[in-house]
Amino acid sequence: MTRPPRPPRVPLLSGELGWHVLLVTGLFLAAVMAVFHHARSRGGSVAHARTMAMNLVVVLEVCHLFFIRNLHGASIGWRTWRGTPVVWTVVGTVVLAQLAVTFLPVLQPVFGTQAISAADGQLLLIMAAVFLLALSPGLTGPARAGPSWDGDKGTTGSPAIPPGVGFNVQLAPVQ
């Protein structure tokens, strides 16, 4: 809240943020499709595979939440654990709701889910750890020191992103 507002002519998505959105979308898609096909290839029902995929989406979203909250530092650390109590309340609520949808027999027919095994749960947590590693600054390039409104001419989050590349989502042409 101490940061000044974004100038009106600056794109909503910088090149760095646009590439981050594409990277996370690709990682989510690959992980969810992989876990769904893995469950089906082991002889699991569609309901079991769907439950695995749904649980993975929730786990990845929680991981991405912590990654984004600490974008300019470590995703896992003391600052994360001391984080906003509201975030922990919401994460706890989401986890309880996810467990209910997955394991409560009265909710399974409503959502078309099926209970998963402990080994399946471990697989989902391993995939979440791989997701966090794929997003870590050490693997995707140097982290930014802070926000920049200079048209993304500073350090980008990936060496593959040329400086000055941006996703301009404004409706009117930029003069």
Protein backbone atom coordinates (compact mmCIF):
# COMPACT_ATOMS: atom_id res chain seq x y z
CA MET A 1 0.00 0.00 0.00
CA THR A 2 3.02 2.29 0.27
CA ARG A 3 3.82 1.90 -3.42
CA PRO A 4 2.67 4.71 -5.72
CA PRO A 5 -0.05 3.91 -8.26
CA ARG A 6 0.86 2.64 -11.69
CA PRO A 7 1.05 5.40 -14.31
CA PRO A 8 -1.95 5.20 -16.71
CA ARG A 9 0.17 4.60 -19.84
CA VAL A 10 2.10 1.67 -18.37
CA PRO A 11 0.80 -1.78 -19.47
CA LEU A 12 -1.14 -3.74 -16.86
CA LEU A 13 1.05 -6.79 -17.47
CA SER A 14 4.78 -6.23 -17.81
CA GLY A 15 6.76 -8.66 -19.91
CA GLU A 16 7.94 -10.38 -16.75
CA LEU A 17 4.43 -10.80 -15.36
CA GLY A 18 3.03 -11.87 -18.74
CA TRP A 19 5.65 -14.60 -19.06
CA HIS A 20 5.00 -15.65 -15.45
CA VAL A 21 1.29 -16.07 -16.25
CA LEU A 22 2.17 -18.18 -19.30
CA LEU A 23 4.70 -20.26 -17.33
CA VAL A 24 2.28 -20.96 -14.47
CA THR A 25 -0.54 -21.76 -16.90
CA GLY A 26 1.69 -24.23 -18.74
CA LEU A 27 2.92 -25.84 -15.52
CA PHE A 28 -0.64 -26.18 -14.17
CA LEU A 29 -1.88 -27.68 -17.42
CA ALA A 30 1.01 -30.14 -17.70
CA ALA A 31 0.79 -31.22 -14.06
CA VAL A 32 -2.99 -31.68 -14.03
CA MET A 33 -3.03 -33.59 -17.32
CA ALA A 34 -0.11 -35.75 -16.14
CA VAL A 35 -1.77 -36.68 -12.85
CA PHE A 36 -5.11 -37.38 -14.55
CA HIS A 37 -3.51 -39.68 -17.15
CA HIS A 38 -1.31 -41.30 -14.50
CA ALA A 39 -4.39 -42.17 -12.41
CA ARG A 40 -6.22 -43.54 -15.46
CA SER A 41 -3.21 -45.55 -16.66
CA ARG A 42 -3.02 -47.30 -13.27
CA GLY A 43 -6.59 -48.50 -13.77
CA GLY A 44 -8.29 -45.79 -11.76
CA SER A 45 -11.82 -44.71 -12.56
CA VAL A 46 -12.63 -41.36 -14.14
CA ALA A 47 -13.92 -40.20 -10.73
CA HIS A 48 -10.60 -41.13 -9.12
CA ALA A 49 -8.57 -39.39 -11.82
CA ARG A 50 -10.83 -36.33 -11.64
CA THR A 51 -10.42 -36.21 -7.85
CA MET A 52 -6.63 -36.41 -8.21
CA ALA A 53 -6.66 -33.60 -10.77
CA MET A 54 -8.99 -31.42 -8.68
CA ASN A 55 -6.88 -31.90 -5.54
CA LEU A 56 -3.72 -31.08 -7.49
CA VAL A 57 -5.24 -27.82 -8.76
CA VAL A 58 -6.03 -26.81 -5.17
CA VAL A 59 -2.56 -27.75 -3.90
CA LEU A 60 -0.88 -25.88 -6.78
CA GLU A 61 -3.05 -22.81 -6.17
CA VAL A 62 -2.03 -22.74 -2.49
CA CYS A 63 1.63 -23.12 -3.46
CA HIS A 64 1.29 -20.34 -6.03
CA LEU A 65 -0.38 -18.14 -3.42
CA PHE A 66 2.66 -18.41 -1.16
CA PHE A 67 5.02 -17.93 -4.10
CA ILE A 68 3.23 -14.74 -5.21
CA ARG A 69 2.99 -13.36 -1.66
CA ASN A 70 6.78 -13.58 -1.42
CA LEU A 71 7.62 -12.82 -5.04
CA HIS A 72 10.81 -10.95 -4.20
CA GLY A 73 12.08 -13.38 -1.58
CA ALA A 74 12.00 -17.03 -0.56
CA SER A 75 8.60 -18.72 -0.91
CA ILE A 76 9.17 -20.86 2.16
CA GLY A 77 10.64 -19.16 5.19
CA TRP A 78 9.89 -17.55 8.51
CA ARG A 79 8.16 -14.59 6.83
CA THR A 80 5.76 -16.99 5.11
CA TRP A 81 4.90 -18.79 8.34
CA ARG A 82 4.33 -15.48 10.14
CA GLY A 83 2.14 -14.29 7.25
CA THR A 84 -1.23 -12.69 7.46
CA PRO A 85 -3.58 -14.69 9.73
CA VAL A 86 -6.40 -14.21 7.22
CA VAL A 87 -4.36 -16.09 4.60
CA TRP A 88 -3.85 -19.00 6.98
CA THR A 89 -7.55 -19.00 7.85
CA VAL A 90 -8.48 -19.14 4.16
CA VAL A 91 -5.90 -21.85 3.39
CA GLY A 92 -7.17 -23.90 6.36
CA THR A 93 -10.76 -23.49 5.18
CA VAL A 94 -9.84 -24.52 1.62
CA VAL A 95 -7.95 -27.58 2.88
CA LEU A 96 -10.87 -28.65 5.09
CA ALA A 97 -13.34 -28.16 2.23
CA GLN A 98 -11.08 -30.13 -0.10
CA LEU A 99 -10.80 -32.98 2.40
CA ALA A 100 -14.59 -32.98 2.81
CA VAL A 101 -15.21 -33.12 -0.95
CA THR A 102 -12.63 -35.87 -1.33
CA PHE A 103 -13.39 -38.09 1.65
CA LEU A 104 -16.94 -37.50 2.93
CA PRO A 105 -19.23 -40.11 1.36
CA VAL A 106 -22.19 -37.72 1.40
CA LEU A 107 -20.31 -35.19 -0.80
CA GLN A 108 -18.67 -37.65 -3.19
CA PRO A 109 -21.76 -38.24 -5.37
CA VAL A 110 -22.50 -34.50 -5.43
CA PHE A 111 -19.04 -33.63 -6.77
CA GLY A 112 -18.30 -36.89 -8.59
CA THR A 113 -15.22 -37.57 -6.47
CA GLN A 114 -13.66 -40.65 -4.98
CA ALA A 115 -11.37 -41.01 -1.95
CA ILE A 116 -7.66 -41.08 -2.78
CA SER A 117 -4.95 -43.09 -1.07
CA ALA A 118 -2.08 -41.76 1.04
CA ALA A 119 0.29 -42.60 -1.81
CA ASP A 120 -1.84 -40.51 -4.17
CA GLY A 121 -1.70 -37.63 -1.69
CA GLN A 122 2.07 -37.94 -1.49
CA LEU A 123 2.29 -37.80 -5.27
CA LEU A 124 0.30 -34.55 -5.25
CA LEU A 125 2.61 -33.01 -2.63
CA ILE A 126 5.69 -34.07 -4.60
CA MET A 127 4.24 -32.47 -7.72
CA ALA A 128 3.60 -29.28 -5.73
CA ALA A 129 7.23 -29.25 -4.58
CA VAL A 130 8.39 -29.65 -8.18
CA PHE A 131 6.07 -26.78 -9.15
CA LEU A 132 7.66 -24.52 -6.52
CA LEU A 133 11.14 -25.51 -7.67
CA ALA A 134 10.23 -24.71 -11.27
CA LEU A 135 9.16 -21.22 -10.19
CA SER A 136 12.13 -20.55 -7.92
CA PRO A 137 14.29 -17.60 -9.01
CA GLY A 138 17.40 -19.77 -9.13
CA LEU A 139 15.90 -21.79 -11.99
CA THR A 140 14.00 -19.09 -13.89
CA GLY A 141 16.50 -16.23 -13.60
CA PRO A 142 17.22 -13.49 -11.08
CA ALA A 143 14.42 -12.11 -8.97
CA ARG A 144 13.50 -8.48 -9.29
CA ALA A 145 14.50 -6.18 -6.46
CA GLY A 146 11.12 -4.49 -6.48
CA PRO A 147 8.37 -3.06 -8.65
CA SER A 148 9.36 -0.97 -11.63
CA TRP A 149 7.24 1.33 -13.75
CA ASP A 150 9.95 1.93 -16.36
CA GLY A 151 8.28 -0.16 -19.04
CA ASP A 152 10.04 -3.33 -17.86
CA LYS A 153 13.53 -2.13 -18.84
CA GLY A 154 15.08 -3.56 -15.69
CA THR A 155 16.04 -7.09 -14.83
CA THR A 156 13.51 -9.61 -16.07
CA GLY A 157 12.58 -12.84 -14.30
CA SER A 158 13.95 -14.99 -17.10
CA PRO A 159 16.92 -14.65 -19.41
CA ALA A 160 14.65 -15.62 -22.32
CA ILE A 161 12.54 -12.46 -21.91
CA PRO A 162 14.07 -9.54 -23.76
CA PRO A 163 14.00 -6.19 -21.92
CA GLY A 164 11.15 -3.94 -23.01
CA VAL A 165 8.76 -6.78 -23.89
CA GLY A 166 5.33 -6.18 -22.41
CA PHE A 167 1.75 -7.32 -22.72
CA ASN A 168 -0.23 -4.16 -23.36
CA VAL A 169 -3.85 -4.92 -22.55
CA GLN A 170 -5.09 -1.34 -22.88
CA LEU A 171 -8.01 -0.80 -25.23
CA ALA A 172 -6.79 2.52 -26.62
CA PRO A 173 -3.51 2.70 -28.57
CA VAL A 174 -0.53 3.98 -26.60
CA GLN A 175 0.82 7.28 -27.93
